[in-house]
N, C-alpha and C. Protein backbone atom coordinates (compact mmCIF):
# COMPACT_ATOMS: atom_id res chain seq x y z
N MET A 1 102.20 9.35 67.50
CA MET A 1 103.12 10.41 67.82
C MET A 1 103.48 10.24 69.29
N ALA A 2 104.75 10.11 69.53
CA ALA A 2 105.19 9.97 70.91
C ALA A 2 105.00 11.30 71.63
N LYS A 3 104.51 11.20 72.86
CA LYS A 3 104.26 12.42 73.63
C LYS A 3 105.56 13.20 73.79
N GLY A 4 105.52 14.47 73.44
CA GLY A 4 106.69 15.32 73.56
C GLY A 4 107.65 15.26 72.38
N GLN A 5 107.45 14.31 71.47
CA GLN A 5 108.34 14.21 70.30
C GLN A 5 108.01 15.32 69.32
N GLU A 6 109.04 15.96 68.78
CA GLU A 6 108.82 17.04 67.83
C GLU A 6 108.96 16.55 66.40
N TYR A 7 108.11 17.08 65.54
CA TYR A 7 108.14 16.79 64.11
C TYR A 7 108.31 18.11 63.39
N GLY A 8 109.35 18.24 62.60
CA GLY A 8 109.62 19.49 61.89
C GLY A 8 109.43 19.33 60.40
N TYR A 9 108.74 20.28 59.80
CA TYR A 9 108.49 20.25 58.36
C TYR A 9 108.80 21.62 57.77
N ASN A 10 109.35 21.60 56.57
CA ASN A 10 109.61 22.85 55.86
C ASN A 10 108.29 23.45 55.39
N VAL A 11 108.19 24.77 55.48
CA VAL A 11 106.98 25.49 55.11
C VAL A 11 107.36 26.57 54.10
N ILE A 12 106.56 26.70 53.06
CA ILE A 12 106.75 27.75 52.07
C ILE A 12 105.72 28.85 52.34
N PHE A 13 106.20 30.08 52.54
CA PHE A 13 105.32 31.22 52.77
C PHE A 13 105.31 32.09 51.52
N GLU A 14 104.11 32.44 51.06
CA GLU A 14 103.97 33.29 49.87
C GLU A 14 102.96 34.39 50.16
N LYS A 15 103.30 35.59 49.75
CA LYS A 15 102.36 36.72 49.88
C LYS A 15 101.42 36.67 48.68
N GLU A 16 100.13 36.55 48.94
CA GLU A 16 99.12 36.52 47.88
C GLU A 16 98.06 37.56 48.20
N GLY A 17 98.13 38.67 47.50
CA GLY A 17 97.19 39.74 47.78
C GLY A 17 97.41 40.30 49.17
N ASP A 18 96.38 40.25 49.99
CA ASP A 18 96.45 40.80 51.35
C ASP A 18 96.79 39.76 52.41
N VAL A 19 97.10 38.53 52.01
CA VAL A 19 97.37 37.47 52.99
C VAL A 19 98.69 36.77 52.69
N TYR A 20 99.17 36.04 53.68
CA TYR A 20 100.34 35.17 53.52
C TYR A 20 99.84 33.73 53.54
N VAL A 21 100.19 32.98 52.51
CA VAL A 21 99.80 31.58 52.41
C VAL A 21 100.99 30.72 52.83
N ALA A 22 100.73 29.76 53.72
CA ALA A 22 101.76 28.85 54.20
C ALA A 22 101.43 27.45 53.69
N THR A 23 102.38 26.82 52.98
CA THR A 23 102.17 25.51 52.38
C THR A 23 103.22 24.54 52.91
N VAL A 24 102.79 23.31 53.24
CA VAL A 24 103.69 22.28 53.75
C VAL A 24 103.76 21.14 52.73
N PRO A 25 104.80 21.13 51.89
CA PRO A 25 104.91 20.09 50.86
C PRO A 25 104.86 18.66 51.40
N ALA A 26 105.47 18.40 52.54
CA ALA A 26 105.53 17.04 53.09
C ALA A 26 104.17 16.53 53.56
N LEU A 27 103.21 17.43 53.72
CA LEU A 27 101.87 17.05 54.17
C LEU A 27 100.87 17.23 53.04
N ASN A 28 101.18 16.62 51.91
CA ASN A 28 100.33 16.68 50.72
C ASN A 28 100.03 18.11 50.29
N TYR A 29 101.00 18.97 50.44
CA TYR A 29 100.87 20.39 50.08
C TYR A 29 99.69 21.07 50.77
N SER A 30 99.43 20.64 52.00
CA SER A 30 98.38 21.31 52.79
C SER A 30 98.78 22.76 53.01
N SER A 31 97.78 23.63 53.06
CA SER A 31 98.09 25.05 53.24
C SER A 31 97.06 25.73 54.11
N THR A 32 97.47 26.88 54.62
CA THR A 32 96.62 27.74 55.42
C THR A 32 97.11 29.16 55.17
N PHE A 33 96.48 30.13 55.81
CA PHE A 33 96.91 31.51 55.57
C PHE A 33 96.69 32.36 56.80
N GLY A 34 97.30 33.54 56.77
CA GLY A 34 97.11 34.53 57.82
C GLY A 34 97.22 35.91 57.22
N GLU A 35 96.66 36.89 57.92
CA GLU A 35 96.70 38.26 57.43
C GLU A 35 98.08 38.90 57.60
N SER A 36 98.93 38.28 58.42
CA SER A 36 100.32 38.72 58.59
C SER A 36 101.19 37.47 58.54
N LEU A 37 102.48 37.67 58.37
CA LEU A 37 103.40 36.54 58.36
C LEU A 37 103.37 35.83 59.71
N GLU A 38 103.30 36.58 60.79
CA GLU A 38 103.25 35.99 62.13
C GLU A 38 101.99 35.14 62.30
N GLU A 39 100.86 35.64 61.80
CA GLU A 39 99.61 34.88 61.91
C GLU A 39 99.69 33.62 61.05
N ALA A 40 100.27 33.72 59.87
CA ALA A 40 100.42 32.55 59.00
C ALA A 40 101.30 31.50 59.68
N ARG A 41 102.35 31.94 60.37
CA ARG A 41 103.21 31.00 61.09
C ARG A 41 102.44 30.27 62.18
N ALA A 42 101.63 31.02 62.93
CA ALA A 42 100.82 30.41 63.99
C ALA A 42 99.79 29.44 63.41
N MET A 43 99.16 29.85 62.31
CA MET A 43 98.14 29.01 61.69
C MET A 43 98.73 27.72 61.14
N VAL A 44 99.92 27.80 60.51
CA VAL A 44 100.51 26.59 59.93
C VAL A 44 100.97 25.64 61.04
N LYS A 45 101.43 26.18 62.15
CA LYS A 45 101.82 25.33 63.27
C LYS A 45 100.61 24.55 63.78
N GLU A 46 99.48 25.24 63.92
CA GLU A 46 98.25 24.58 64.35
C GLU A 46 97.79 23.55 63.32
N MET A 47 97.89 23.90 62.02
CA MET A 47 97.48 22.98 60.96
C MET A 47 98.32 21.70 61.00
N ILE A 48 99.64 21.85 61.16
CA ILE A 48 100.51 20.66 61.22
C ILE A 48 100.11 19.79 62.40
N GLN A 49 99.90 20.40 63.56
CA GLN A 49 99.50 19.66 64.75
C GLN A 49 98.22 18.86 64.51
N LEU A 50 97.20 19.53 63.97
CA LEU A 50 95.92 18.87 63.72
C LEU A 50 96.04 17.77 62.66
N TYR A 51 96.84 18.02 61.63
CA TYR A 51 97.06 17.05 60.56
C TYR A 51 97.67 15.77 61.13
N LEU A 52 98.73 15.93 61.92
CA LEU A 52 99.40 14.76 62.50
C LEU A 52 98.51 14.03 63.49
N GLU A 53 97.78 14.77 64.31
CA GLU A 53 96.87 14.14 65.27
C GLU A 53 95.78 13.36 64.55
N SER A 54 95.28 13.89 63.44
CA SER A 54 94.25 13.21 62.66
C SER A 54 94.77 11.89 62.10
N LEU A 55 95.98 11.93 61.54
CA LEU A 55 96.59 10.70 61.03
C LEU A 55 96.75 9.67 62.14
N GLN A 56 97.24 10.14 63.27
CA GLN A 56 97.47 9.25 64.40
C GLN A 56 96.16 8.61 64.88
N GLU A 57 95.10 9.42 64.99
CA GLU A 57 93.79 8.90 65.42
C GLU A 57 93.25 7.86 64.46
N ASP A 58 93.56 8.02 63.17
CA ASP A 58 93.09 7.07 62.15
C ASP A 58 94.02 5.88 62.00
N GLY A 59 95.08 5.83 62.81
CA GLY A 59 96.02 4.71 62.76
C GLY A 59 96.91 4.72 61.53
N LEU A 60 97.07 5.88 60.91
CA LEU A 60 97.90 5.99 59.71
C LEU A 60 99.31 6.42 60.07
N GLU A 61 100.23 6.11 59.18
CA GLU A 61 101.64 6.45 59.39
C GLU A 61 101.85 7.94 59.24
N LEU A 62 102.67 8.50 60.12
CA LEU A 62 102.99 9.92 60.04
C LEU A 62 104.08 10.15 59.00
N PRO A 63 103.98 11.24 58.24
CA PRO A 63 105.04 11.55 57.28
C PRO A 63 106.36 11.79 58.00
N GLU A 64 107.44 11.37 57.37
CA GLU A 64 108.76 11.60 57.95
C GLU A 64 109.00 13.10 58.06
N PRO A 65 109.55 13.55 59.18
CA PRO A 65 109.90 14.97 59.29
C PRO A 65 110.97 15.32 58.26
N ASP A 66 110.98 16.58 57.85
CA ASP A 66 112.03 17.05 56.95
C ASP A 66 113.34 17.08 57.72
N THR A 67 114.36 16.45 57.14
CA THR A 67 115.65 16.40 57.83
C THR A 67 116.63 17.42 57.29
N GLN A 68 116.35 17.94 56.10
CA GLN A 68 117.25 18.96 55.57
C GLN A 68 116.99 20.27 56.30
N GLY A 69 117.93 21.15 56.14
CA GLY A 69 117.82 22.45 56.80
C GLY A 69 116.74 23.30 56.19
N GLU A 70 116.86 24.55 56.42
CA GLU A 70 115.89 25.54 55.97
C GLU A 70 115.80 25.56 54.45
N THR A 71 114.58 25.67 53.93
CA THR A 71 114.36 25.80 52.50
C THR A 71 114.33 27.29 52.16
N ILE A 72 115.02 27.66 51.11
CA ILE A 72 115.02 29.05 50.66
C ILE A 72 114.28 29.12 49.33
N THR A 73 113.27 29.95 49.28
CA THR A 73 112.51 30.13 48.07
C THR A 73 112.68 31.58 47.61
N GLU A 74 113.06 31.75 46.35
CA GLU A 74 113.24 33.08 45.80
C GLU A 74 112.51 33.19 44.47
N ARG A 75 112.08 34.38 44.17
CA ARG A 75 111.48 34.65 42.86
C ARG A 75 112.60 35.01 41.92
N VAL A 76 112.67 34.34 40.77
CA VAL A 76 113.68 34.60 39.75
C VAL A 76 112.95 34.96 38.48
N SER A 77 113.26 36.13 37.91
CA SER A 77 112.61 36.59 36.69
C SER A 77 113.59 36.56 35.53
N VAL A 78 113.08 36.23 34.36
CA VAL A 78 113.88 36.25 33.13
C VAL A 78 113.06 36.95 32.06
N ALA A 79 113.74 37.52 31.09
CA ALA A 79 113.07 38.16 29.94
C ALA A 79 113.41 37.37 28.69
N LEU A 80 112.42 37.09 27.90
CA LEU A 80 112.64 36.39 26.64
C LEU A 80 112.76 37.40 25.52
N ALA A 81 113.68 37.12 24.60
CA ALA A 81 113.90 38.03 23.46
C ALA A 81 112.81 37.86 22.44
C-alpha cells in the first residue's frame, strides 16, 4: 500500500437486533459491528485498514478498490398467493 494512497470499498450496513453490522464484500465479506451506525462506520474503517495492512505485511496482493459509485441496498417484500 503506497503511503497516503486511499482504497475505497463499498460497505453494506444492516440493523440486526441492537447492533449495526457492516460487511465489505470485496474483502471476503469481512464484517464488524457497532451499537450505532456511526460506531459501525468507525469500526469498519478500522477493519479495512487492518485487513489491508495484514495483506501487505504478508506480501499478498491487495483487493482492487471498488470503482463503482455508492451501493444502494433496499429491503423488498413480496406476498405469495
